[in-house]
C-alpha atoms as a PDB file:
ATOM      1  CA  UNK A   1      16.893   3.864  10.535  1.00  0.00           C
ATOM      2  CA  UNK A   2      13.256   3.741  11.969  1.00  0.00           C
ATOM      3  CA  UNK A   3      11.451   0.683  13.328  1.00  0.00           C
ATOM      4  CA  UNK A   4       8.981   0.988  10.494  1.00  0.00           C
ATOM      5  CA  UNK A   5      11.726   1.283   7.515  1.00  0.00           C
ATOM      6  CA  UNK A   6      13.442  -2.159   9.317  1.00  0.00           C
ATOM      7  CA  UNK A   7      10.859  -3.907   9.641  1.00  0.00           C
ATOM      8  CA  UNK A   8       9.932  -3.394   5.559  1.00  0.00           C
ATOM      9  CA  UNK A   9      13.168  -4.264   4.702  1.00  0.00           C
ATOM     10  CA  UNK A  10      13.292  -7.122   6.875  1.00  0.00           C
ATOM     11  CA  UNK A  11       9.693  -8.608   5.046  1.00  0.00           C
ATOM     12  CA  UNK A  12      11.398  -7.789   1.697  1.00  0.00           C
ATOM     13  CA  UNK A  13      14.517  -9.721   2.293  1.00  0.00           C
ATOM     14  CA  UNK A  14      12.941 -12.623   4.049  1.00  0.00           C
ATOM     15  CA  UNK A  15      11.138 -12.711   0.832  1.00  0.00           C
ATOM     16  CA  UNK A  16      14.005 -12.611  -1.237  1.00  0.00           C
ATOM     17  CA  UNK A  17      13.191  -9.500  -3.147  1.00  0.00           C
ATOM     18  CA  UNK A  18      15.965  -7.718  -4.206  1.00  0.00           C
ATOM     19  CA  UNK A  19      15.646  -3.833  -4.619  1.00  0.00           C
ATOM     20  CA  UNK A  20      16.679  -0.455  -3.577  1.00  0.00           C
ATOM     21  CA  UNK A  21      14.774   1.274  -1.315  1.00  0.00           C
ATOM     22  CA  UNK A  22      15.043   4.973  -1.864  1.00  0.00           C
ATOM     23  CA  UNK A  23      14.806   8.127   0.043  1.00  0.00           C
ATOM     24  CA  UNK A  24      12.620  10.909  -1.745  1.00  0.00           C
ATOM     25  CA  UNK A  25      13.122  13.755   0.163  1.00  0.00           C
ATOM     26  CA  UNK A  26       9.021  13.697   0.699  1.00  0.00           C
ATOM     27  CA  UNK A  27       6.889  10.724  -0.562  1.00  0.00           C
ATOM     28  CA  UNK A  28       3.273  11.711   1.073  1.00  0.00           C
ATOM     29  CA  UNK A  29       1.523  11.440  -1.854  1.00  0.00           C
ATOM     30  CA  UNK A  30       1.268   9.521  -5.207  1.00  0.00           C
ATOM     31  CA  UNK A  31       2.476  12.361  -7.334  1.00  0.00           C
ATOM     32  CA  UNK A  32       5.073  13.959  -4.749  1.00  0.00           C
ATOM     33  CA  UNK A  33       6.538   9.947  -4.884  1.00  0.00           C
ATOM     34  CA  UNK A  34       6.208   9.641  -8.628  1.00  0.00           C
ATOM     35  CA  UNK A  35       8.356  12.786  -9.574  1.00  0.00           C
ATOM     36  CA  UNK A  36      10.941  12.101  -7.300  1.00  0.00           C
ATOM     37  CA  UNK A  37      11.196   8.321  -8.755  1.00  0.00           C
ATOM     38  CA  UNK A  38      10.151   9.802 -12.339  1.00  0.00           C
ATOM     39  CA  UNK A  39       7.914   7.640 -12.900  1.00  0.00           C
ATOM     40  CA  UNK A  40       4.069   7.306 -13.750  1.00  0.00           C
ATOM     41  CA  UNK A  41       1.155   8.223 -11.493  1.00  0.00           C
ATOM     42  CA  UNK A  42      -0.110   5.392 -11.657  1.00  0.00           C
ATOM     43  CA  UNK A  43       3.744   3.248 -11.432  1.00  0.00           C
ATOM     44  CA  UNK A  44       2.935   4.879  -7.198  1.00  0.00           C
ATOM     45  CA  UNK A  45       1.423   1.868  -5.124  1.00  0.00           C
ATOM     46  CA  UNK A  46      -1.113   3.727  -2.202  1.00  0.00           C
ATOM     47  CA  UNK A  47      -2.586   1.610   0.740  1.00  0.00           C
ATOM     48  CA  UNK A  48      -5.148   2.804   1.691  1.00  0.00           C
ATOM     49  CA  UNK A  49      -6.296   0.940   4.721  1.00  0.00           C
ATOM     50  CA  UNK A  50     -10.139   0.968   5.498  1.00  0.00           C
ATOM     51  CA  UNK A  51     -11.280  -0.725   9.167  1.00  0.00           C
ATOM     52  CA  UNK A  52     -14.285  -2.891   9.659  1.00  0.00           C
ATOM     53  CA  UNK A  53     -17.186  -0.382  11.068  1.00  0.00           C
ATOM     54  CA  UNK A  54     -18.128  -3.313  13.291  1.00  0.00           C
ATOM     55  CA  UNK A  55     -14.394  -4.026  14.453  1.00  0.00           C
ATOM     56  CA  UNK A  56     -10.950  -4.219  14.505  1.00  0.00           C
ATOM     57  CA  UNK A  57     -10.284  -5.964  11.104  1.00  0.00           C
ATOM     58  CA  UNK A  58      -8.814  -3.679   8.936  1.00  0.00           C
ATOM     59  CA  UNK A  59      -8.148  -3.905   5.078  1.00  0.00           C
ATOM     60  CA  UNK A  60      -5.849  -2.621   2.697  1.00  0.00           C
ATOM     61  CA  UNK A  61      -6.615  -1.885  -0.540  1.00  0.00           C
ATOM     62  CA  UNK A  62      -3.544  -1.386  -2.684  1.00  0.00           C
ATOM     63  CA  UNK A  63      -4.248   1.103  -5.880  1.00  0.00           C
ATOM     64  CA  UNK A  64      -2.437   2.893  -8.658  1.00  0.00           C
ATOM     65  CA  UNK A  65      -1.471   6.391  -7.872  1.00  0.00           C
ATOM     66  CA  UNK A  66      -4.705   8.201 -10.088  1.00  0.00           C
ATOM     67  CA  UNK A  67      -7.090   6.045  -8.726  1.00  0.00           C
ATOM     68  CA  UNK A  68      -9.795   6.018  -5.916  1.00  0.00           C
ATOM     69  CA  UNK A  69     -10.917   3.698  -3.427  1.00  0.00           C
ATOM     70  CA  UNK A  70     -14.654   3.062  -4.120  1.00  0.00           C
ATOM     71  CA  UNK A  71     -16.044   2.479  -0.025  1.00  0.00           C
ATOM     72  CA  UNK A  72     -18.991   0.891  -1.567  1.00  0.00           C
ATOM     73  CA  UNK A  73     -17.446  -1.795  -3.676  1.00  0.00           C
ATOM     74  CA  UNK A  74     -14.717  -2.264  -0.481  1.00  0.00           C
ATOM     75  CA  UNK A  75     -17.031  -2.999   1.558  1.00  0.00           C
ATOM     76  CA  UNK A  76     -18.355  -5.402  -1.009  1.00  0.00           C
ATOM     77  CA  UNK A  77     -15.386  -7.789  -1.037  1.00  0.00           C
ATOM     78  CA  UNK A  78     -14.492  -7.368   2.590  1.00  0.00           C
ATOM     79  CA  UNK A  79     -18.146  -8.836   3.200  1.00  0.00           C
ATOM     80  CA  UNK A  80     -18.868  -6.194   5.671  1.00  0.00           C
ATOM     81  CA  UNK A  81     -19.076  -2.257   6.090  1.00  0.00           C
ATOM     82  CA  UNK A  82     -15.537  -0.668   6.349  1.00  0.00           C
ATOM     83  CA  UNK A  83     -14.809   3.124   6.562  1.00  0.00           C
ATOM     84  CA  UNK A  84     -11.314   4.517   6.467  1.00  0.00           C
ATOM     85  CA  UNK A  85      -9.524   4.050   9.296  1.00  0.00           C
ATOM     86  CA  UNK A  86      -8.232   7.262  11.181  1.00  0.00           C
ATOM     87  CA  UNK A  87      -4.465   7.853  11.559  1.00  0.00           C
ATOM     88  CA  UNK A  88      -3.991   6.475  15.498  1.00  0.00           C
ATOM     89  CA  UNK A  89      -5.622   3.130  14.486  1.00  0.00           C
ATOM     90  CA  UNK A  90      -3.168   2.646  11.219  1.00  0.00           C
ATOM     91  CA  UNK A  91      -0.341   3.484  13.215  1.00  0.00           C
ATOM     92  CA  UNK A  92      -1.571   1.337  16.109  1.00  0.00           C
ATOM     93  CA  UNK A  93      -2.737  -1.572  14.005  1.00  0.00           C
ATOM     94  CA  UNK A  94       0.140  -1.335  11.039  1.00  0.00           C
ATOM     95  CA  UNK A  95       3.005   0.029  12.937  1.00  0.00           C
ATOM     96  CA  UNK A  96       3.349   3.258   9.994  1.00  0.00           C
ATOM     97  CA  UNK A  97       2.007   6.690   9.892  1.00  0.00           C
ATOM     98  CA  UNK A  98      -0.246   7.544   6.879  1.00  0.00           C
ATOM     99  CA  UNK A  99       1.611   8.496   4.196  1.00  0.00           C
ATOM    100  CA  UNK A 100       4.106   5.340   4.914  1.00  0.00           C
ATOM    101  CA  UNK A 101       2.176   2.557   4.698  1.00  0.00           C
ATOM    102  CA  UNK A 102       4.010  -0.240   3.085  1.00  0.00           C
ATOM    103  CA  UNK A 103       1.850  -3.217   1.687  1.00  0.00           C
ATOM    104  CA  UNK A 104       4.383  -5.391   3.925  1.00  0.00           C
ATOM    105  CA  UNK A 105       5.851  -5.277   7.166  1.00  0.00           C
ATOM    106  CA  UNK A 106       2.836  -4.355   8.947  1.00  0.00           C
ATOM    107  CA  UNK A 107       2.498  -5.189  12.662  1.00  0.00           C
ATOM    108  CA  UNK A 108      -1.142  -7.241  11.876  1.00  0.00           C
ATOM    109  CA  UNK A 109      -1.241  -7.985   8.578  1.00  0.00           C
ATOM    110  CA  UNK A 110      -4.714  -7.054   7.377  1.00  0.00           C
ATOM    111  CA  UNK A 111      -6.870  -8.165   3.932  1.00  0.00           C
ATOM    112  CA  UNK A 112      -5.395  -7.172   1.647  1.00  0.00           C
ATOM    113  CA  UNK A 113      -7.070  -6.365  -2.668  1.00  0.00           C
ATOM    114  CA  UNK A 114      -4.514  -5.414  -4.939  1.00  0.00           C
ATOM    115  CA  UNK A 115      -5.872  -2.984  -8.177  1.00  0.00           C
ATOM    116  CA  UNK A 116      -5.281  -4.091 -11.901  1.00  0.00           C
ATOM    117  CA  UNK A 117      -3.838  -1.324 -12.701  1.00  0.00           C
ATOM    118  CA  UNK A 118      -1.050  -1.583 -11.364  1.00  0.00           C
ATOM    119  CA  UNK A 119      -0.674  -5.073 -13.125  1.00  0.00           C
ATOM    120  CA  UNK A 120       0.128  -3.156 -16.673  1.00  0.00           C
ATOM    121  CA  UNK A 121       3.394  -1.560 -15.391  1.00  0.00           C
ATOM    122  CA  UNK A 122       6.767  -3.787 -15.146  1.00  0.00           C
ATOM    123  CA  UNK A 123       7.613  -1.887 -12.175  1.00  0.00           C
ATOM    124  CA  UNK A 124       5.468  -0.097  -9.187  1.00  0.00           C
ATOM    125  CA  UNK A 125       7.134   1.883  -6.418  1.00  0.00           C
ATOM    126  CA  UNK A 126       5.352   1.325  -2.919  1.00  0.00           C
ATOM    127  CA  UNK A 127       6.005   3.175   0.662  1.00  0.00           C
ATOM    128  CA  UNK A 128       8.863   1.779   2.369  1.00  0.00           C
ATOM    129  CA  UNK A 129       7.160   2.307   5.636  1.00  0.00           C
ATOM    130  CA  UNK A 130       7.763   6.322   5.733  1.00  0.00           C
ATOM    131  CA  UNK A 131       6.713   9.235   4.340  1.00  0.00           C
ATOM    132  CA  UNK A 132      10.048   9.771   2.397  1.00  0.00           C
ATOM    133  CA  UNK A 133      11.323   5.957   1.584  1.00  0.00           C
ATOM    134  CA  UNK A 134       9.730   3.907  -1.742  1.00  0.00           C
ATOM    135  CA  UNK A 135      11.309   0.854  -3.126  1.00  0.00           C
ATOM    136  CA  UNK A 136      10.540  -0.681  -7.044  1.00  0.00           C
ATOM    137  CA  UNK A 137       8.743  -3.782  -7.336  1.00  0.00           C
ATOM    138  CA  UNK A 138       7.210  -5.904 -10.163  1.00  0.00           C
ATOM    139  CA  UNK A 139       3.787  -6.103  -9.607  1.00  0.00           C
ATOM    140  CA  UNK A 140       3.452  -9.737  -9.842  1.00  0.00           C
ATOM    141  CA  UNK A 141       6.077 -10.163  -7.196  1.00  0.00           C
ATOM    142  CA  UNK A 142       3.663  -7.769  -5.405  1.00  0.00           C
ATOM    143  CA  UNK A 143       0.634  -9.424  -5.608  1.00  0.00           C
ATOM    144  CA  UNK A 144       2.668 -13.067  -4.671  1.00  0.00           C
ATOM    145  CA  UNK A 145       4.388 -11.178  -1.639  1.00  0.00           C
ATOM    146  CA  UNK A 146       0.868  -9.553  -0.730  1.00  0.00           C
ATOM    147  CA  UNK A 147      -1.027 -12.454  -0.883  1.00  0.00           C
ATOM    148  CA  UNK A 148      -3.591  -9.696  -2.618  1.00  0.00           C
ATOM    149  CA  UNK A 149      -7.144 -10.330  -4.095  1.00  0.00           C
ATOM    150  CA  UNK A 150      -6.493  -8.534  -7.497  1.00  0.00           C
ATOM    151  CA  UNK A 151      -9.758  -7.089  -7.635  1.00  0.00           C
ATOM    152  CA  UNK A 152     -11.909  -3.475  -9.347  1.00  0.00           C
ATOM    153  CA  UNK A 153     -12.780  -1.640  -6.630  1.00  0.00           C
ATOM    154  CA  UNK A 154     -11.949   1.589  -7.333  1.00  0.00           C
ATOM    155  CA  UNK A 155     -14.050   4.853  -8.348  1.00  0.00           C
ATOM    156  CA  UNK A 156     -15.401   4.934 -12.245  1.00  0.00           C
ATOM    157  CA  UNK A 157     -15.254   8.396 -13.757  1.00  0.00           C
END
């Protein structure tokens, strides 16, 4: 078991969340993950990492699988200019590779924001630390576990 998968499992266990971590074969995209677990695209939690342009601070945007983060809305929520973090920064700061960034188990937990579209489902599926593993969680539990602020930050249209 990879270190990143172990960190996610430990974070879930510490929060007393019992869930199956499912191996999907390949869940690098939201479409792949939805097909692998048999759910709607918007039940997939995409973990998108942005970095402050003036430093190392990270922001994690948990968005429904069919949505995209609006960089201007993300910047407004964070309070300073943001840009998408590069793969090396994501791995170094979170401990996860792009495609496997989990909402929990980060080496340095970032400020977190949650797409309200995720709250309309009984269960959502999030990466479990690798591009091949996902776990199911009720959106309200995900919200409380991550301490995320529920906010509108997706592109419209």
